[in-house]
Amino acid sequence: MRPNKLLYVDAMRGWAILMVIGCHQAQAFKNLSAPIKLLASYGQTGVFLFFVASAFTLCNSAFARENENHATRNFFIRRFFRIAPLYYAGMALYLGLAAFVPTYTAGWVGDRSAVSVAANIALVHGFLPTAFTGVVPGGWSIGTECAFYLLFPILFAGCMKLHRLFGWKILLVPTAIVAAASALILAHVGITNGLFYFWYDFVFNQLPIFMIGITLFSSFAMICFSQF
């Protein structure tokens, strides 16, 4: 029987949390030595570890629900209620800070206009350069994650079909192709248009990270699930 709770994925999330905390806490201290600053800066990759864990667990859940009626609709409903309530609470907190403590600007990039707020409410802020982290500091990761949710049903179906036809290693090919394409976009489009951070955080650039999670699940499924 497949376990309902994958403890090693929880451990991965735990390491990711510690890495992100370490990165942000180091930014609060001005007199850290250069080696400590360098080490702490790598904590930002904890977000990527979250993306890998997210893709893996989404695949695990989707595989378990392959025969569920209205699987795609139910997937989006579950994702919305997992993400939206806490994110909306964060929006209320930071918009309140912006209103009552105007000098508080930590982590804000972009604006908090009506368009940005509306995009964040709709969870599509990952597609707008002015909104992707303009309302909630660090909210870009939620925008990227939600954009990945939109792609996931198609990605999962396509990747599982490729797996069943050619084996899990075939998934390394689209992962490498997307990684190469995203690197070109980052180098030529993001920098020249002054949108480096937006393109860096954009779902297409982060897609190879999610694909690593899907590929890991694919190899995991081949070993653990005899019916795969």
Protein backbone atom coordinates (compact mmCIF):
# COMPACT_ATOMS: atom_id res chain seq x y z
CA MET A 1 0.00 0.00 0.00
CA ARG A 2 1.21 3.49 -0.78
CA PRO A 3 1.76 5.59 2.34
CA ASN A 4 -0.57 8.54 2.80
CA LYS A 5 2.22 10.54 4.38
CA LEU A 6 5.70 10.58 2.88
CA LEU A 7 7.92 11.52 5.79
CA TYR A 8 10.97 12.17 3.64
CA VAL A 9 8.99 14.80 1.72
CA ASP A 10 8.12 16.46 5.03
CA ALA A 11 11.83 16.36 5.89
CA MET A 12 12.56 18.05 2.53
CA ARG A 13 10.07 20.78 3.37
CA GLY A 14 11.67 21.18 6.79
CA TRP A 15 15.11 21.73 5.26
CA ALA A 16 13.59 24.17 2.77
CA ILE A 17 12.01 26.17 5.61
CA LEU A 18 15.30 26.32 7.52
CA MET A 19 17.17 27.43 4.39
CA VAL A 20 14.73 30.27 3.66
CA ILE A 21 14.72 31.40 7.30
CA GLY A 22 18.52 31.39 7.34
CA CYS A 23 18.68 33.47 4.15
CA HIS A 24 16.27 36.13 5.42
CA GLN A 25 17.68 36.27 8.93
CA ALA A 26 21.18 36.84 7.58
CA GLN A 27 19.89 39.89 5.70
CA ALA A 28 18.94 41.46 9.04
CA PHE A 29 22.59 41.52 10.20
CA LYS A 30 25.11 43.95 8.69
CA ASN A 31 28.36 42.68 10.20
CA LEU A 32 28.35 39.02 9.18
CA SER A 33 31.56 37.66 7.71
CA ALA A 34 31.71 37.12 3.96
CA PRO A 35 31.70 33.27 4.19
CA ILE A 36 28.59 33.33 6.42
CA LYS A 37 26.83 35.73 4.07
CA LEU A 38 27.69 33.52 1.10
CA LEU A 39 26.47 30.40 2.87
CA ALA A 40 23.26 32.09 3.99
CA SER A 41 22.59 33.41 0.48
CA TYR A 42 22.23 29.84 -0.73
CA GLY A 43 19.22 29.57 1.55
CA GLN A 44 17.15 31.12 -1.21
CA THR A 45 17.36 27.77 -3.00
CA GLY A 46 15.05 26.46 -0.28
CA VAL A 47 12.19 27.85 -2.40
CA PHE A 48 13.30 25.61 -5.25
CA LEU A 49 13.34 22.67 -2.86
CA PHE A 50 9.72 23.54 -2.01
CA PHE A 51 8.90 23.46 -5.73
CA VAL A 52 10.46 20.02 -6.10
CA ALA A 53 8.52 18.73 -3.09
CA SER A 54 5.33 20.33 -4.40
CA ALA A 55 5.59 18.69 -7.81
CA PHE A 56 6.41 15.32 -6.24
CA THR A 57 3.45 15.38 -3.85
CA LEU A 58 1.07 16.66 -6.53
CA CYS A 59 2.06 13.72 -8.73
CA ASN A 60 1.63 11.31 -5.83
CA SER A 61 -1.86 12.65 -5.15
CA ALA A 62 -2.85 12.75 -8.83
CA PHE A 63 -1.66 9.17 -9.36
CA ALA A 64 -3.75 8.01 -6.40
CA ARG A 65 -6.82 9.81 -7.83
CA GLU A 66 -6.43 8.88 -11.49
CA ASN A 67 -9.84 7.19 -11.57
CA GLU A 68 -11.63 9.91 -9.60
CA ASN A 69 -14.67 11.52 -11.22
CA HIS A 70 -14.04 15.16 -12.21
CA ALA A 71 -10.40 14.79 -11.15
CA THR A 72 -9.21 18.06 -12.72
CA ARG A 73 -12.02 20.14 -11.24
CA ASN A 74 -11.46 18.61 -7.81
CA PHE A 75 -7.72 19.22 -8.13
CA PHE A 76 -8.22 22.96 -8.62
CA ILE A 77 -10.73 23.17 -5.76
CA ARG A 78 -8.31 21.45 -3.37
CA ARG A 79 -5.42 23.65 -4.47
CA PHE A 80 -7.44 26.83 -4.05
CA PHE A 81 -8.48 26.06 -0.48
CA ARG A 82 -4.97 24.95 0.40
CA ILE A 83 -3.36 28.18 -0.79
CA ALA A 84 -5.90 31.00 -0.86
CA PRO A 85 -7.11 31.40 2.76
CA LEU A 86 -3.66 31.87 4.29
CA TYR A 87 -2.46 33.96 1.35
CA TYR A 88 -5.45 36.27 1.68
CA ALA A 89 -4.66 36.65 5.38
CA GLY A 90 -1.12 37.67 4.41
CA MET A 91 -2.49 40.19 1.93
CA ALA A 92 -4.69 41.73 4.62
CA LEU A 93 -1.71 41.96 6.99
CA TYR A 94 0.66 43.64 4.53
CA LEU A 95 -1.95 45.95 3.04
CA GLY A 96 -2.75 46.99 6.60
CA LEU A 97 0.92 47.68 7.26
CA ALA A 98 1.12 49.71 4.05
CA ALA A 99 -1.88 51.76 5.13
CA PHE A 100 -0.92 52.39 8.75
CA VAL A 101 2.90 52.12 8.66
CA PRO A 102 3.90 53.74 5.34
CA THR A 103 7.61 53.49 6.18
CA TYR A 104 7.39 49.68 6.21
CA THR A 105 8.65 48.61 2.79
CA ALA A 106 10.68 45.48 3.54
CA GLY A 107 10.65 43.08 0.62
CA TRP A 108 8.24 45.04 -1.58
CA VAL A 109 8.96 45.25 -5.29
CA GLY A 110 6.41 46.69 -7.70
CA ASP A 111 3.22 48.40 -6.63
CA ARG A 112 0.12 47.84 -4.53
CA SER A 113 -2.33 49.32 -7.02
CA ALA A 114 -5.88 48.06 -7.50
CA VAL A 115 -4.66 45.98 -10.45
CA SER A 116 -1.92 44.37 -8.36
CA VAL A 117 -4.32 43.64 -5.51
CA ALA A 118 -6.87 42.17 -7.91
CA ALA A 119 -4.20 40.00 -9.55
CA ASN A 120 -3.10 38.73 -6.15
CA ILE A 121 -6.69 37.97 -5.15
CA ALA A 122 -7.14 36.02 -8.39
CA LEU A 123 -3.77 34.30 -7.75
CA VAL A 124 -2.50 35.26 -11.21
CA HIS A 125 0.08 37.80 -10.00
CA GLY A 126 2.86 35.54 -11.21
CA PHE A 127 2.05 36.75 -14.73
CA LEU A 128 2.32 40.50 -13.99
CA PRO A 129 5.71 42.21 -13.44
CA THR A 130 4.18 44.94 -11.25
CA ALA A 131 2.15 42.52 -9.13
CA PHE A 132 4.24 39.40 -8.66
CA THR A 133 5.69 40.58 -5.35
CA GLY A 134 4.07 43.97 -4.90
CA VAL A 135 1.44 43.09 -2.30
CA VAL A 136 2.95 40.31 -0.18
CA PRO A 137 6.75 40.25 0.23
CA GLY A 138 7.92 36.95 -1.21
CA GLY A 139 4.49 36.43 -2.75
CA TRP A 140 6.14 35.64 -6.07
CA SER A 141 6.54 32.03 -4.97
CA ILE A 142 2.77 31.69 -4.55
CA GLY A 143 2.24 33.25 -7.98
CA THR A 144 4.70 30.82 -9.53
CA GLU A 145 3.18 27.87 -7.66
CA CYS A 146 -0.36 28.79 -8.78
CA ALA A 147 0.82 29.19 -12.37
CA PHE A 148 2.29 25.69 -12.11
CA TYR A 149 -1.08 24.41 -10.85
CA LEU A 150 -2.67 25.65 -14.08
CA LEU A 151 -0.16 23.62 -16.08
CA PHE A 152 -0.03 20.58 -13.83
CA PRO A 153 -2.95 18.46 -15.12
CA ILE A 154 -1.58 18.63 -18.68
CA LEU A 155 2.04 18.18 -17.57
CA PHE A 156 1.21 15.20 -15.38
CA ALA A 157 -0.82 13.45 -18.07
CA GLY A 158 1.86 14.05 -20.69
CA CYS A 159 4.75 13.00 -18.46
CA MET A 160 3.02 9.83 -17.29
CA LYS A 161 2.28 8.89 -20.90
CA LEU A 162 5.92 9.40 -21.83
CA HIS A 163 6.96 7.35 -18.80
CA ARG A 164 4.72 4.44 -19.73
CA LEU A 165 5.94 4.47 -23.32
CA PHE A 166 9.66 5.08 -22.86
CA GLY A 167 10.52 4.93 -19.14
CA TRP A 168 11.09 7.67 -16.59
CA LYS A 169 14.48 8.77 -17.95
CA ILE A 170 12.80 10.25 -21.03
CA LEU A 171 11.51 13.05 -18.78
CA LEU A 172 15.07 14.35 -18.46
CA VAL A 173 14.86 15.45 -22.12
CA PRO A 174 11.99 17.99 -21.83
CA THR A 175 13.44 19.14 -18.51
CA ALA A 176 16.78 19.92 -20.17
CA ILE A 177 15.09 21.60 -23.17
CA VAL A 178 12.96 23.88 -20.98
CA ALA A 179 15.99 24.67 -18.77
CA ALA A 180 18.02 25.71 -21.82
CA ALA A 181 15.17 27.82 -23.22
CA SER A 182 14.56 29.53 -19.88
CA ALA A 183 18.27 30.34 -19.57
CA LEU A 184 18.17 32.05 -22.97
CA ILE A 185 15.08 34.06 -21.97
CA LEU A 186 16.72 35.08 -18.71
CA ALA A 187 19.91 36.13 -20.46
CA HIS A 188 18.39 38.05 -23.37
CA VAL A 189 14.86 39.14 -22.48
CA GLY A 190 14.94 39.63 -18.73
CA ILE A 191 18.15 41.61 -18.56
CA THR A 192 17.62 43.77 -21.64
CA ASN A 193 14.14 44.81 -20.53
CA GLY A 194 15.12 45.43 -16.93
CA LEU A 195 12.83 42.62 -15.78
CA PHE A 196 15.46 40.21 -14.56
CA TYR A 197 13.78 39.30 -11.27
CA PHE A 198 10.36 38.86 -12.87
CA TRP A 199 11.73 36.53 -15.54
CA TYR A 200 13.83 34.73 -12.95
CA ASP A 201 10.73 34.04 -10.83
CA PHE A 202 8.40 33.44 -13.79
CA VAL A 203 6.86 29.96 -14.00
CA PHE A 204 8.58 29.13 -17.31
CA ASN A 205 12.00 29.76 -15.80
CA GLN A 206 11.09 27.72 -12.72
CA LEU A 207 9.45 24.93 -14.73
CA PRO A 208 12.62 22.78 -14.87
CA ILE A 209 12.61 22.76 -11.05
CA PHE A 210 9.03 21.45 -11.03
CA MET A 211 9.97 18.96 -13.76
CA ILE A 212 12.68 17.58 -11.48
CA GLY A 213 9.95 16.82 -8.93
CA ILE A 214 7.83 15.11 -11.58
CA THR A 215 10.84 13.10 -12.78
CA LEU A 216 11.66 12.04 -9.22
CA PHE A 217 8.10 10.86 -8.74
CA SER A 218 8.23 9.01 -12.06
CA SER A 219 11.33 7.08 -11.00
CA PHE A 220 9.85 6.55 -7.52
CA ALA A 221 6.60 5.20 -9.02
CA MET A 222 8.42 2.73 -11.24
CA ILE A 223 10.17 1.25 -8.20
CA CYS A 224 7.28 1.31 -5.71
CA PHE A 225 4.09 0.77 -7.68
CA SER A 226 3.83 -2.53 -9.49
CA GLN A 227 0.68 -1.39 -11.32
CA PHE A 228 2.36 1.70 -12.82
